[in-house]
Amino acid sequence: MINKINGSFGSEYFTQAVSGYGKNRQKEDEEKKSVAGENTASNKEWDNLLDRVNKSIEDTTAVSDETRKKVMDNIIGERNAPYSILADENGMIDYNGVIFQCDYEKNCICLGDVSNPNNCLSIPLERGGYLMVNRDSIGALGDAIGMFSPEDINRILRAISQDTRLRQVKQEIDDKTSGLEVLKQKEGKEDEFKLYI
């Protein structure tokens, strides 16, 4: 090749420069090989390795919803009560000092004594299940309201408001049909009847 260059350009200086560049280049390549050693991988091999690692990562992170549900069931058990993820192994949720009890059979969380359903509010929650609250425990519910989602807070406040209105109406009806009001009304009618006789 050097002969071709000499013959075509006729310059010895150019030939020396090219051969010097070739020798320097060859020395640099040898130095790189000796520093890197024989165990280094080429760029192509590194790219293949990185591709395999990336594929492996993608395979392990691509988990189906069914598999994810099975894993969660194994970790926390089959808990069918709302907010049960906050519960301890006994099914109790302690939030700001307020204790809720999970009822997995009825799919609800309970606050206070819920043995008498006539003295309880049953509030349906956004993601299913219910919040059972004894009317005497509504004040404690206010201390733990931050535990619930905004939609559930709205449902809780609406249910308490409706219950308060219904109880007021019921009390008014009871007052109108109770003994004192009825007696007063009867006495008034008897007085009116006597006046006309």
N, C-alpha and C. Protein backbone atom coordinates (compact mmCIF):
# COMPACT_ATOMS: atom_id res chain seq x y z
N MET A 1 0.82 -1.18 0.00
CA MET A 1 0.00 0.00 0.00
C MET A 1 0.87 1.25 0.00
N ILE A 2 1.95 1.19 0.76
CA ILE A 2 2.86 2.33 0.80
C ILE A 2 3.45 2.58 -0.58
N ASN A 3 3.73 1.52 -1.32
CA ASN A 3 4.25 1.69 -2.67
C ASN A 3 3.24 2.39 -3.56
N LYS A 4 2.00 2.09 -3.42
CA LYS A 4 0.97 2.74 -4.23
C LYS A 4 0.90 4.22 -3.89
N ILE A 5 1.02 4.50 -2.61
CA ILE A 5 0.98 5.91 -2.21
C ILE A 5 2.20 6.64 -2.73
N ASN A 6 3.38 6.00 -2.62
CA ASN A 6 4.59 6.62 -3.14
C ASN A 6 4.48 6.88 -4.63
N GLY A 7 3.98 5.89 -5.34
CA GLY A 7 3.90 6.01 -6.77
C GLY A 7 2.90 7.06 -7.21
N SER A 8 1.82 7.22 -6.55
CA SER A 8 0.78 8.12 -7.01
C SER A 8 1.03 9.55 -6.59
N PHE A 9 1.62 9.76 -5.42
CA PHE A 9 1.82 11.15 -4.99
C PHE A 9 3.28 11.59 -5.13
N GLY A 10 4.19 10.63 -5.12
CA GLY A 10 5.59 10.94 -5.31
C GLY A 10 6.20 11.70 -4.17
N SER A 11 5.59 11.69 -3.03
CA SER A 11 6.12 12.44 -1.91
C SER A 11 6.54 11.47 -0.82
N GLU A 12 7.79 11.52 -0.48
CA GLU A 12 8.29 10.64 0.57
C GLU A 12 7.82 11.11 1.93
N TYR A 13 7.63 12.39 2.05
CA TYR A 13 7.18 12.92 3.32
C TYR A 13 5.80 12.37 3.67
N PHE A 14 4.93 12.32 2.71
CA PHE A 14 3.59 11.78 2.90
C PHE A 14 3.66 10.32 3.30
N THR A 15 4.53 9.55 2.65
CA THR A 15 4.68 8.13 2.93
C THR A 15 5.15 7.93 4.35
N GLN A 16 6.09 8.72 4.78
CA GLN A 16 6.58 8.59 6.14
C GLN A 16 5.49 8.95 7.15
N ALA A 17 4.72 9.97 6.83
CA ALA A 17 3.64 10.38 7.75
C ALA A 17 2.59 9.28 7.87
N VAL A 18 2.23 8.67 6.75
CA VAL A 18 1.23 7.61 6.77
C VAL A 18 1.77 6.41 7.52
N SER A 19 2.99 6.01 7.27
CA SER A 19 3.54 4.84 7.96
C SER A 19 3.71 5.13 9.44
N GLY A 20 4.07 6.35 9.81
CA GLY A 20 4.19 6.73 11.22
C GLY A 20 2.83 6.70 11.92
N TYR A 21 1.84 7.18 11.20
CA TYR A 21 0.47 7.14 11.76
C TYR A 21 0.01 5.71 11.96
N GLY A 22 0.29 4.85 11.01
CA GLY A 22 -0.09 3.44 11.10
C GLY A 22 0.59 2.75 12.28
N LYS A 23 1.90 3.05 12.47
CA LYS A 23 2.62 2.44 13.58
C LYS A 23 2.07 2.93 14.92
N ASN A 24 1.81 4.24 15.00
CA ASN A 24 1.26 4.79 16.25
C ASN A 24 -0.12 4.19 16.56
N ARG A 25 -0.89 4.06 15.52
CA ARG A 25 -2.23 3.48 15.66
C ARG A 25 -2.14 2.03 16.14
N GLN A 26 -1.21 1.29 15.57
CA GLN A 26 -1.03 -0.11 15.94
C GLN A 26 -0.59 -0.22 17.40
N LYS A 27 0.30 0.68 17.85
CA LYS A 27 0.75 0.67 19.25
C LYS A 27 -0.43 0.98 20.19
N GLU A 28 -1.27 1.95 19.81
CA GLU A 28 -2.41 2.31 20.65
C GLU A 28 -3.38 1.12 20.78
N ASP A 29 -3.62 0.42 19.68
CA ASP A 29 -4.50 -0.74 19.72
C ASP A 29 -3.94 -1.83 20.62
N GLU A 30 -2.63 -2.05 20.55
CA GLU A 30 -2.00 -3.07 21.38
C GLU A 30 -2.08 -2.69 22.85
N GLU A 31 -1.89 -1.37 23.14
CA GLU A 31 -1.97 -0.91 24.53
C GLU A 31 -3.39 -1.11 25.07
N LYS A 32 -4.40 -0.80 24.26
CA LYS A 32 -5.79 -0.99 24.69
C LYS A 32 -6.08 -2.44 24.99
N LYS A 33 -5.58 -3.33 24.14
CA LYS A 33 -5.80 -4.76 24.36
C LYS A 33 -5.11 -5.23 25.61
N SER A 34 -3.90 -4.75 25.87
CA SER A 34 -3.17 -5.21 27.04
C SER A 34 -3.80 -4.64 28.32
N VAL A 35 -4.32 -3.41 28.28
CA VAL A 35 -4.96 -2.83 29.46
C VAL A 35 -6.29 -3.53 29.72
N ALA A 36 -7.09 -3.71 28.70
CA ALA A 36 -8.41 -4.31 28.85
C ALA A 36 -8.33 -5.80 29.12
N GLY A 37 -7.33 -6.46 28.61
CA GLY A 37 -7.19 -7.89 28.80
C GLY A 37 -8.03 -8.66 27.80
N GLU A 38 -7.90 -9.95 27.85
CA GLU A 38 -8.60 -10.79 26.89
C GLU A 38 -10.03 -11.08 27.31
N ASN A 39 -10.41 -10.81 28.57
CA ASN A 39 -11.73 -11.14 29.07
C ASN A 39 -12.78 -10.07 28.80
N THR A 40 -12.42 -8.99 28.19
CA THR A 40 -13.40 -7.93 27.93
C THR A 40 -14.30 -8.32 26.78
N ALA A 41 -15.50 -7.78 26.84
CA ALA A 41 -16.48 -8.08 25.80
C ALA A 41 -16.52 -6.93 24.79
N SER A 42 -16.87 -7.27 23.60
CA SER A 42 -17.00 -6.24 22.58
C SER A 42 -18.30 -5.48 22.81
N ASN A 43 -18.45 -4.37 22.09
CA ASN A 43 -19.67 -3.57 22.22
C ASN A 43 -20.91 -4.39 21.89
N LYS A 44 -20.78 -5.24 20.89
CA LYS A 44 -21.91 -6.07 20.49
C LYS A 44 -22.29 -7.04 21.61
N GLU A 45 -21.28 -7.62 22.24
CA GLU A 45 -21.55 -8.54 23.34
C GLU A 45 -22.20 -7.82 24.52
N TRP A 46 -21.70 -6.59 24.83
CA TRP A 46 -22.28 -5.79 25.91
C TRP A 46 -23.74 -5.44 25.60
N ASP A 47 -24.01 -5.06 24.38
CA ASP A 47 -25.38 -4.73 23.99
C ASP A 47 -26.30 -5.94 24.15
N ASN A 48 -25.82 -7.11 23.74
CA ASN A 48 -26.62 -8.33 23.91
C ASN A 48 -26.89 -8.62 25.37
N LEU A 49 -25.85 -8.45 26.20
CA LEU A 49 -26.00 -8.69 27.63
C LEU A 49 -27.00 -7.72 28.24
N LEU A 50 -26.90 -6.45 27.91
CA LEU A 50 -27.83 -5.45 28.43
C LEU A 50 -29.26 -5.72 27.97
N ASP A 51 -29.42 -6.14 26.73
CA ASP A 51 -30.75 -6.48 26.23
C ASP A 51 -31.37 -7.62 27.02
N ARG A 52 -30.56 -8.64 27.32
CA ARG A 52 -31.06 -9.78 28.10
C ARG A 52 -31.44 -9.35 29.52
N VAL A 53 -30.62 -8.50 30.12
CA VAL A 53 -30.91 -8.01 31.47
C VAL A 53 -32.21 -7.20 31.46
N ASN A 54 -32.36 -6.31 30.47
CA ASN A 54 -33.59 -5.50 30.37
C ASN A 54 -34.81 -6.38 30.18
N LYS A 55 -34.70 -7.39 29.35
CA LYS A 55 -35.83 -8.30 29.12
C LYS A 55 -36.17 -9.05 30.40
N SER A 56 -35.15 -9.46 31.13
CA SER A 56 -35.37 -10.16 32.39
C SER A 56 -36.10 -9.25 33.40
N ILE A 57 -35.70 -7.99 33.46
CA ILE A 57 -36.36 -7.04 34.36
C ILE A 57 -37.81 -6.84 33.95
N GLU A 58 -38.05 -6.68 32.66
CA GLU A 58 -39.42 -6.51 32.18
C GLU A 58 -40.27 -7.72 32.49
N ASP A 59 -39.70 -8.92 32.35
CA ASP A 59 -40.45 -10.15 32.62
C ASP A 59 -40.84 -10.24 34.10
N THR A 60 -39.94 -9.81 34.98
CA THR A 60 -40.25 -9.92 36.40
C THR A 60 -41.18 -8.83 36.87
N THR A 61 -41.20 -7.67 36.22
CA THR A 61 -42.09 -6.59 36.64
C THR A 61 -43.46 -6.70 36.00
N ALA A 62 -43.60 -7.43 34.94
CA ALA A 62 -44.90 -7.59 34.28
C ALA A 62 -45.67 -8.71 34.96
N VAL A 63 -46.40 -8.34 36.03
CA VAL A 63 -47.15 -9.31 36.81
C VAL A 63 -48.63 -9.09 36.54
N SER A 64 -49.34 -10.15 36.31
CA SER A 64 -50.77 -10.02 36.03
C SER A 64 -51.51 -9.61 37.29
N ASP A 65 -52.72 -9.07 37.11
CA ASP A 65 -53.54 -8.66 38.24
C ASP A 65 -53.91 -9.86 39.11
N GLU A 66 -54.14 -10.99 38.47
CA GLU A 66 -54.49 -12.20 39.21
C GLU A 66 -53.35 -12.64 40.12
N THR A 67 -52.13 -12.60 39.58
CA THR A 67 -50.95 -12.98 40.37
C THR A 67 -50.75 -12.00 41.52
N ARG A 68 -50.93 -10.71 41.23
CA ARG A 68 -50.77 -9.68 42.26
C ARG A 68 -51.79 -9.91 43.39
N LYS A 69 -53.05 -10.25 43.04
CA LYS A 69 -54.09 -10.51 44.03
C LYS A 69 -53.73 -11.73 44.88
N LYS A 70 -53.22 -12.78 44.24
CA LYS A 70 -52.83 -13.97 44.99
C LYS A 70 -51.72 -13.66 45.98
N VAL A 71 -50.75 -12.87 45.54
CA VAL A 71 -49.63 -12.50 46.43
C VAL A 71 -50.15 -11.69 47.61
N MET A 72 -51.03 -10.72 47.34
CA MET A 72 -51.57 -9.90 48.41
C MET A 72 -52.40 -10.74 49.38
N ASP A 73 -53.16 -11.69 48.85
CA ASP A 73 -53.94 -12.58 49.72
C ASP A 73 -53.03 -13.42 50.61
N ASN A 74 -51.89 -13.85 50.07
CA ASN A 74 -50.94 -14.62 50.87
C ASN A 74 -50.31 -13.76 51.94
N ILE A 75 -50.07 -12.49 51.62
CA ILE A 75 -49.41 -11.60 52.58
C ILE A 75 -50.37 -11.20 53.70
N ILE A 76 -51.55 -10.71 53.34
CA ILE A 76 -52.47 -10.19 54.36
C ILE A 76 -53.64 -11.10 54.64
N GLY A 77 -53.74 -12.19 53.92
CA GLY A 77 -54.87 -13.10 54.10
C GLY A 77 -56.07 -12.60 53.32
N GLU A 78 -57.10 -13.39 53.30
CA GLU A 78 -58.29 -13.00 52.56
C GLU A 78 -59.16 -12.15 53.46
N ARG A 79 -58.93 -10.87 53.40
CA ARG A 79 -59.67 -9.92 54.22
C ARG A 79 -60.66 -9.20 53.32
N ASN A 80 -61.92 -9.31 53.67
CA ASN A 80 -62.96 -8.72 52.85
C ASN A 80 -63.61 -7.52 53.52
N ALA A 81 -62.93 -6.84 54.38
CA ALA A 81 -63.48 -5.66 55.03
C ALA A 81 -62.81 -4.42 54.45
N PRO A 82 -63.57 -3.33 54.32
CA PRO A 82 -62.94 -2.11 53.83
C PRO A 82 -61.87 -1.61 54.80
N TYR A 83 -60.83 -1.05 54.26
CA TYR A 83 -59.71 -0.50 55.03
C TYR A 83 -59.01 -1.58 55.88
N SER A 84 -59.19 -2.84 55.53
CA SER A 84 -58.58 -3.91 56.31
C SER A 84 -57.06 -3.94 56.15
N ILE A 85 -56.56 -3.25 55.16
CA ILE A 85 -55.11 -3.19 54.98
C ILE A 85 -54.46 -2.48 56.18
N LEU A 86 -55.24 -1.65 56.89
CA LEU A 86 -54.73 -0.94 58.06
C LEU A 86 -54.84 -1.76 59.35
N ALA A 87 -55.49 -2.91 59.25
CA ALA A 87 -55.76 -3.72 60.44
C ALA A 87 -54.55 -4.55 60.85
N ASP A 88 -54.48 -4.81 62.14
CA ASP A 88 -53.43 -5.71 62.64
C ASP A 88 -53.90 -7.16 62.48
N GLU A 89 -53.14 -8.10 63.02
CA GLU A 89 -53.48 -9.51 62.84
C GLU A 89 -54.79 -9.89 63.53
N ASN A 90 -55.27 -9.08 64.47
CA ASN A 90 -56.53 -9.34 65.16
C ASN A 90 -57.71 -8.67 64.48
N GLY A 91 -57.47 -7.95 63.41
CA GLY A 91 -58.54 -7.28 62.69
C GLY A 91 -58.92 -5.94 63.29
N MET A 92 -58.04 -5.36 64.08
CA MET A 92 -58.33 -4.07 64.71
C MET A 92 -57.55 -2.96 64.02
N ILE A 93 -58.23 -1.85 63.80
CA ILE A 93 -57.60 -0.67 63.21
C ILE A 93 -57.56 0.40 64.30
N ASP A 94 -56.37 0.87 64.60
CA ASP A 94 -56.21 1.95 65.58
C ASP A 94 -55.76 3.18 64.81
N TYR A 95 -56.66 4.17 64.71
CA TYR A 95 -56.35 5.39 63.97
C TYR A 95 -56.63 6.58 64.87
N ASN A 96 -55.60 7.32 65.20
CA ASN A 96 -55.71 8.48 66.10
C ASN A 96 -56.39 8.13 67.42
N GLY A 97 -56.11 6.94 67.92
CA GLY A 97 -56.69 6.52 69.19
C GLY A 97 -58.10 5.97 69.09
N VAL A 98 -58.67 5.94 67.91
CA VAL A 98 -60.02 5.40 67.70
C VAL A 98 -59.86 3.98 67.18
N ILE A 99 -60.55 3.04 67.82
CA ILE A 99 -60.41 1.62 67.48
C ILE A 99 -61.61 1.16 66.65
N PHE A 100 -61.32 0.66 65.46
CA PHE A 100 -62.31 0.04 64.58
C PHE A 100 -62.07 -1.46 64.60
N GLN A 101 -63.13 -2.22 64.49
CA GLN A 101 -63.01 -3.67 64.42
C GLN A 101 -63.48 -4.12 63.04
N CYS A 102 -62.67 -4.91 62.35
CA CYS A 102 -63.04 -5.43 61.03
C CYS A 102 -63.94 -6.65 61.21
N ASP A 103 -65.02 -6.67 60.49
CA ASP A 103 -65.92 -7.84 60.45
C ASP A 103 -65.82 -8.40 59.04
N TYR A 104 -64.98 -9.42 58.88
CA TYR A 104 -64.70 -9.97 57.55
C TYR A 104 -65.90 -10.73 56.99
N GLU A 105 -66.73 -11.27 57.85
CA GLU A 105 -67.89 -12.02 57.38
C GLU A 105 -68.95 -11.10 56.78
N LYS A 106 -69.13 -9.93 57.38
CA LYS A 106 -70.15 -8.99 56.92
C LYS A 106 -69.58 -7.91 56.00
N ASN A 107 -68.27 -7.96 55.76
CA ASN A 107 -67.60 -6.99 54.90
C ASN A 107 -67.82 -5.57 55.40
N CYS A 108 -67.50 -5.36 56.69
CA CYS A 108 -67.66 -4.02 57.24
C CYS A 108 -66.62 -3.77 58.33
N ILE A 109 -66.46 -2.49 58.65
CA ILE A 109 -65.66 -2.12 59.81
C ILE A 109 -66.63 -1.48 60.81
N CYS A 110 -66.40 -1.76 62.08
CA CYS A 110 -67.35 -1.37 63.12
C CYS A 110 -66.69 -0.43 64.11
N LEU A 111 -67.48 0.55 64.57
CA LEU A 111 -67.02 1.48 65.59
C LEU A 111 -68.04 1.50 66.70
N GLY A 112 -67.61 1.17 67.90
CA GLY A 112 -68.51 1.14 69.04
C GLY A 112 -69.24 -0.19 69.12
N ASP A 113 -70.24 -0.22 69.99
CA ASP A 113 -71.04 -1.43 70.21
C ASP A 113 -72.10 -1.52 69.11
N VAL A 114 -71.92 -2.46 68.20
CA VAL A 114 -72.85 -2.60 67.08
C VAL A 114 -73.75 -3.82 67.25
N SER A 115 -73.89 -4.29 68.49
CA SER A 115 -74.73 -5.46 68.73
C SER A 115 -76.21 -5.14 68.55
N ASN A 116 -76.61 -3.88 68.73
CA ASN A 116 -77.99 -3.47 68.53
C ASN A 116 -78.07 -2.67 67.22
N PRO A 117 -78.51 -3.28 66.14
CA PRO A 117 -78.53 -2.57 64.85
C PRO A 117 -79.47 -1.37 64.82
N ASN A 118 -80.44 -1.31 65.74
CA ASN A 118 -81.35 -0.16 65.79
C ASN A 118 -80.65 1.10 66.29
N ASN A 119 -79.53 0.95 66.95
CA ASN A 119 -78.79 2.10 67.46
C ASN A 119 -77.52 2.35 66.65
N CYS A 120 -77.48 1.84 65.41
CA CYS A 120 -76.29 1.96 64.57
C CYS A 120 -76.62 2.55 63.21
N LEU A 121 -75.64 3.18 62.64
CA LEU A 121 -75.72 3.62 61.25
C LEU A 121 -74.91 2.65 60.41
N SER A 122 -75.45 2.25 59.29
CA SER A 122 -74.74 1.39 58.35
C SER A 122 -74.51 2.22 57.09
N ILE A 123 -73.25 2.59 56.87
CA ILE A 123 -72.91 3.51 55.79
C ILE A 123 -72.17 2.77 54.70
N PRO A 124 -72.73 2.69 53.47
CA PRO A 124 -72.01 2.02 52.38
C PRO A 124 -70.79 2.85 51.96
N LEU A 125 -69.69 2.18 51.72
CA LEU A 125 -68.44 2.85 51.36
C LEU A 125 -68.19 2.73 49.85
N GLU A 126 -67.35 3.61 49.36
CA GLU A 126 -67.10 3.74 47.92
C GLU A 126 -66.65 2.44 47.26
N ARG A 127 -65.73 1.76 47.84
CA ARG A 127 -65.16 0.55 47.21
C ARG A 127 -65.79 -0.74 47.72
N GLY A 128 -66.97 -0.64 48.24
CA GLY A 128 -67.66 -1.82 48.74
C GLY A 128 -67.52 -1.94 50.23
N GLY A 129 -68.43 -2.67 50.82
CA GLY A 129 -68.40 -2.85 52.25
C GLY A 129 -69.13 -1.70 52.95
N TYR A 130 -69.16 -1.79 54.27
CA TYR A 130 -69.91 -0.82 55.06
C TYR A 130 -69.10 -0.35 56.26
N LEU A 131 -69.48 0.80 56.76
CA LEU A 131 -69.00 1.30 58.03
C LEU A 131 -70.19 1.23 58.97
N MET A 132 -70.09 0.44 60.03
CA MET A 132 -71.14 0.35 61.05
C MET A 132 -70.69 1.19 62.24
N VAL A 133 -71.53 2.18 62.60
CA VAL A 133 -71.17 3.10 63.68
C VAL A 133 -72.32 3.15 64.67
N ASN A 134 -72.01 2.95 65.93
CA ASN A 134 -72.98 3.16 66.99
C ASN A 134 -73.22 4.67 67.09
N ARG A 135 -74.48 5.07 67.23
CA ARG A 135 -74.80 6.51 67.29
C ARG A 135 -74.07 7.20 68.44
N ASP A 136 -73.78 6.47 69.50
CA ASP A 136 -73.06 7.04 70.64
C ASP A 136 -71.57 7.26 70.32
N SER A 137 -71.09 6.68 69.23
CA SER A 137 -69.66 6.77 68.87
C SER A 137 -69.39 7.73 67.72
N ILE A 138 -70.38 8.52 67.34
CA ILE A 138 -70.19 9.44 66.21
C ILE A 138 -69.12 10.48 66.52
N GLY A 139 -69.01 10.90 67.76
CA GLY A 139 -67.96 11.85 68.15
C GLY A 139 -66.57 11.28 67.92
N ALA A 140 -66.38 10.01 68.25
CA ALA A 140 -65.08 9.35 68.03
C ALA A 140 -64.80 9.21 66.54
N LEU A 141 -65.86 9.02 65.76
CA LEU A 141 -65.68 8.92 64.31
C LEU A 141 -65.08 10.22 63.76
N GLY A 142 -65.46 11.34 64.34
CA GLY A 142 -64.90 12.63 63.92
C GLY A 142 -63.40 12.70 64.13
N ASP A 143 -62.89 12.04 65.17
CA ASP A 143 -61.45 12.03 65.43
C ASP A 143 -60.68 11.19 64.41
N ALA A 144 -61.38 10.23 63.79
CA ALA A 144 -60.71 9.31 62.86
C ALA A 144 -61.16 9.53 61.42
N ILE A 145 -61.80 10.64 61.14
CA ILE A 145 -62.34 10.85 59.80
C ILE A 145 -61.24 10.94 58.74
N GLY A 146 -60.03 11.30 59.13
CA GLY A 146 -58.91 11.40 58.19
C GLY A 146 -58.47 10.06 57.62
N MET A 147 -58.93 8.98 58.22
CA MET A 147 -58.57 7.64 57.73
C MET A 147 -59.27 7.32 56.42
N PHE A 148 -60.39 7.96 56.15
CA PHE A 148 -61.23 7.61 55.02
C PHE A 148 -60.91 8.43 53.79
N SER A 149 -61.27 7.90 52.63
CA SER A 149 -61.08 8.61 51.36
C SER A 149 -62.05 9.79 51.30
N PRO A 150 -61.78 10.79 50.48
CA PRO A 150 -62.70 11.93 50.37
C PRO A 150 -64.12 11.51 50.01
N GLU A 151 -64.27 10.54 49.12
CA GLU A 151 -65.61 10.08 48.75
C GLU A 151 -66.30 9.43 49.94
N ASP A 152 -65.56 8.64 50.71
CA ASP A 152 -66.15 8.00 51.89
C ASP A 152 -66.50 9.03 52.96
N ILE A 153 -65.68 10.05 53.11
CA ILE A 153 -65.99 11.13 54.06
C ILE A 153 -67.31 11.78 53.67
N ASN A 154 -67.48 12.03 52.38
CA ASN A 154 -68.73 12.62 51.90
C ASN A 154 -69.91 11.71 52.23
N ARG A 155 -69.77 10.43 52.00
CA ARG A 155 -70.85 9.46 52.30
C ARG A 155 -71.15 9.43 53.79
N ILE A 156 -70.11 9.46 54.60
CA ILE A 156 -70.30 9.41 56.06
C ILE A 156 -71.04 10.64 56.55
N LEU A 157 -70.59 11.81 56.11
CA LEU A 157 -71.23 13.06 56.56
C LEU A 157 -72.68 13.14 56.08
N ARG A 158 -72.92 12.70 54.85
CA ARG A 158 -74.28 12.69 54.32
C ARG A 158 -75.18 11.76 55.14
N ALA A 159 -74.68 10.58 55.48
CA ALA A 159 -75.46 9.61 56.25
C ALA A 159 -75.76 10.15 57.65
N ILE A 160 -74.78 10.78 58.29
CA ILE A 160 -75.00 11.34 59.63
C ILE A 160 -76.03 12.45 59.56
N SER A 161 -75.93 13.29 58.55
CA SER A 161 -76.89 14.38 58.38
C SER A 161 -78.31 13.86 58.16
N GLN A 162 -78.46 12.87 57.29
CA GLN A 162 -79.77 12.28 57.05
C GLN A 162 -80.32 11.62 58.31
N ASP A 163 -79.47 10.93 59.05
CA ASP A 163 -79.91 10.28 60.27
C ASP A 163 -80.37 11.32 61.29
N THR A 164 -79.66 12.42 61.41
CA THR A 164 -80.04 13.48 62.34
C THR A 164 -81.40 14.05 61.97
N ARG A 165 -81.62 14.33 60.69
CA ARG A 165 -82.91 14.86 60.24
C ARG A 165 -84.03 13.86 60.50
N LEU A 166 -83.80 12.58 60.19
CA LEU A 166 -84.83 11.56 60.42
C LEU A 166 -85.17 11.43 61.90
N ARG A 167 -84.17 11.50 62.75
CA ARG A 167 -84.41 11.41 64.19
C ARG A 167 -85.18 12.62 64.69
N GLN A 168 -84.91 13.80 64.14
CA GLN A 168 -85.67 14.99 64.53
C GLN A 168 -87.13 14.87 64.13
N VAL A 169 -87.36 14.41 62.89
CA VAL A 169 -88.74 14.23 62.42
C VAL A 169 -89.45 13.18 63.27
N LYS A 170 -88.77 12.10 63.57
CA LYS A 170 -89.36 11.05 64.40
C LYS A 170 -89.70 11.60 65.78
N GLN A 171 -88.80 12.41 66.34
CA GLN A 171 -89.05 13.00 67.66
C GLN A 171 -90.26 13.92 67.62
N GLU A 172 -90.40 14.71 66.55
CA GLU A 172 -91.57 15.58 66.40
C GLU A 172 -92.85 14.75 66.33
N ILE A 173 -92.80 13.67 65.57
CA ILE A 173 -93.97 12.80 65.45
C ILE A 173 -94.30 12.18 66.81
N ASP A 174 -93.26 11.72 67.52
CA ASP A 174 -93.48 11.14 68.85
C ASP A 174 -94.06 12.18 69.80
N ASP A 175 -93.56 13.41 69.73
CA ASP A 175 -94.08 14.48 70.59
C ASP A 175 -95.54 14.76 70.31
N LYS A 176 -95.91 14.76 69.04
CA LYS A 176 -97.30 15.05 68.68
C LYS A 176 -98.23 13.91 69.05
N THR A 177 -97.73 12.71 69.06
CA THR A 177 -98.58 11.56 69.38
C THR A 177 -98.37 11.06 70.80
N SER A 178 -97.54 11.73 71.57
CA SER A 178 -97.27 11.28 72.94
C SER A 178 -98.41 11.69 73.86
N GLY A 179 -98.36 11.24 75.07
CA GLY A 179 -99.42 11.45 76.04
C GLY A 179 -99.74 12.90 76.32
N LEU A 180 -98.76 13.75 76.58
CA LEU A 180 -99.02 15.13 76.97
C LEU A 180 -99.70 15.91 75.86
N GLU A 181 -99.19 15.82 74.66
CA GLU A 181 -99.78 16.55 73.55
C GLU A 181 -101.19 16.06 73.27
N VAL A 182 -101.40 14.77 73.31
CA VAL A 182 -102.71 14.20 73.04
C VAL A 182 -103.69 14.62 74.13
N LEU A 183 -103.24 14.58 75.40
CA LEU A 183 -104.11 15.01 76.50
C LEU A 183 -104.49 16.48 76.37
N LYS A 184 -103.53 17.31 76.02
CA LYS A 184 -103.81 18.73 75.86
C LYS A 184 -104.81 18.94 74.74
N GLN A 185 -104.63 18.21 73.67
CA GLN A 185 -105.55 18.34 72.55
C GLN A 185 -106.94 17.85 72.94
N LYS A 186 -107.04 16.75 73.67
CA LYS A 186 -108.34 16.22 74.10
C LYS A 186 -109.01 17.17 75.08
N GLU A 187 -108.23 17.71 76.02
CA GLU A 187 -108.78 18.66 76.99
C GLU A 187 -109.31 19.88 76.28
N GLY A 188 -108.59 20.35 75.30
CA GLY A 188 -109.04 21.51 74.53
C GLY A 188 -110.33 21.22 73.81
N LYS A 189 -110.50 20.04 73.25
CA LYS A 189 -111.72 19.67 72.55
C LYS A 189 -112.88 19.51 73.53
N GLU A 190 -112.63 18.97 74.74
CA GLU A 190 -113.67 18.81 75.73
C GLU A 190 -114.16 20.19 76.20
N ASP A 191 -113.20 21.14 76.36
CA ASP A 191 -113.59 22.49 76.76
C ASP A 191 -114.45 23.12 75.67
N GLU A 192 -114.05 22.92 74.44
CA GLU A 192 -114.84 23.46 73.34
C GLU A 192 -116.21 22.82 73.33
N PHE A 193 -116.29 21.54 73.59
CA PHE A 193 -117.56 20.82 73.59
C PHE A 193 -118.46 21.34 74.71
N LYS A 194 -117.89 21.62 75.86
CA LYS A 194 -118.65 22.11 77.00
C LYS A 194 -119.19 23.50 76.72
N LEU A 195 -118.43 24.30 75.99
CA LEU A 195 -118.89 25.65 75.69
C LEU A 195 -120.12 25.66 74.81
N TYR A 196 -120.26 24.69 73.99
CA TYR A 196 -121.38 24.67 73.06
C TYR A 196 -122.63 24.06 73.68
N ILE A 197 -122.56 23.45 74.81
CA ILE A 197 -123.71 22.79 75.40
C ILE A 197 -124.59 23.75 76.12
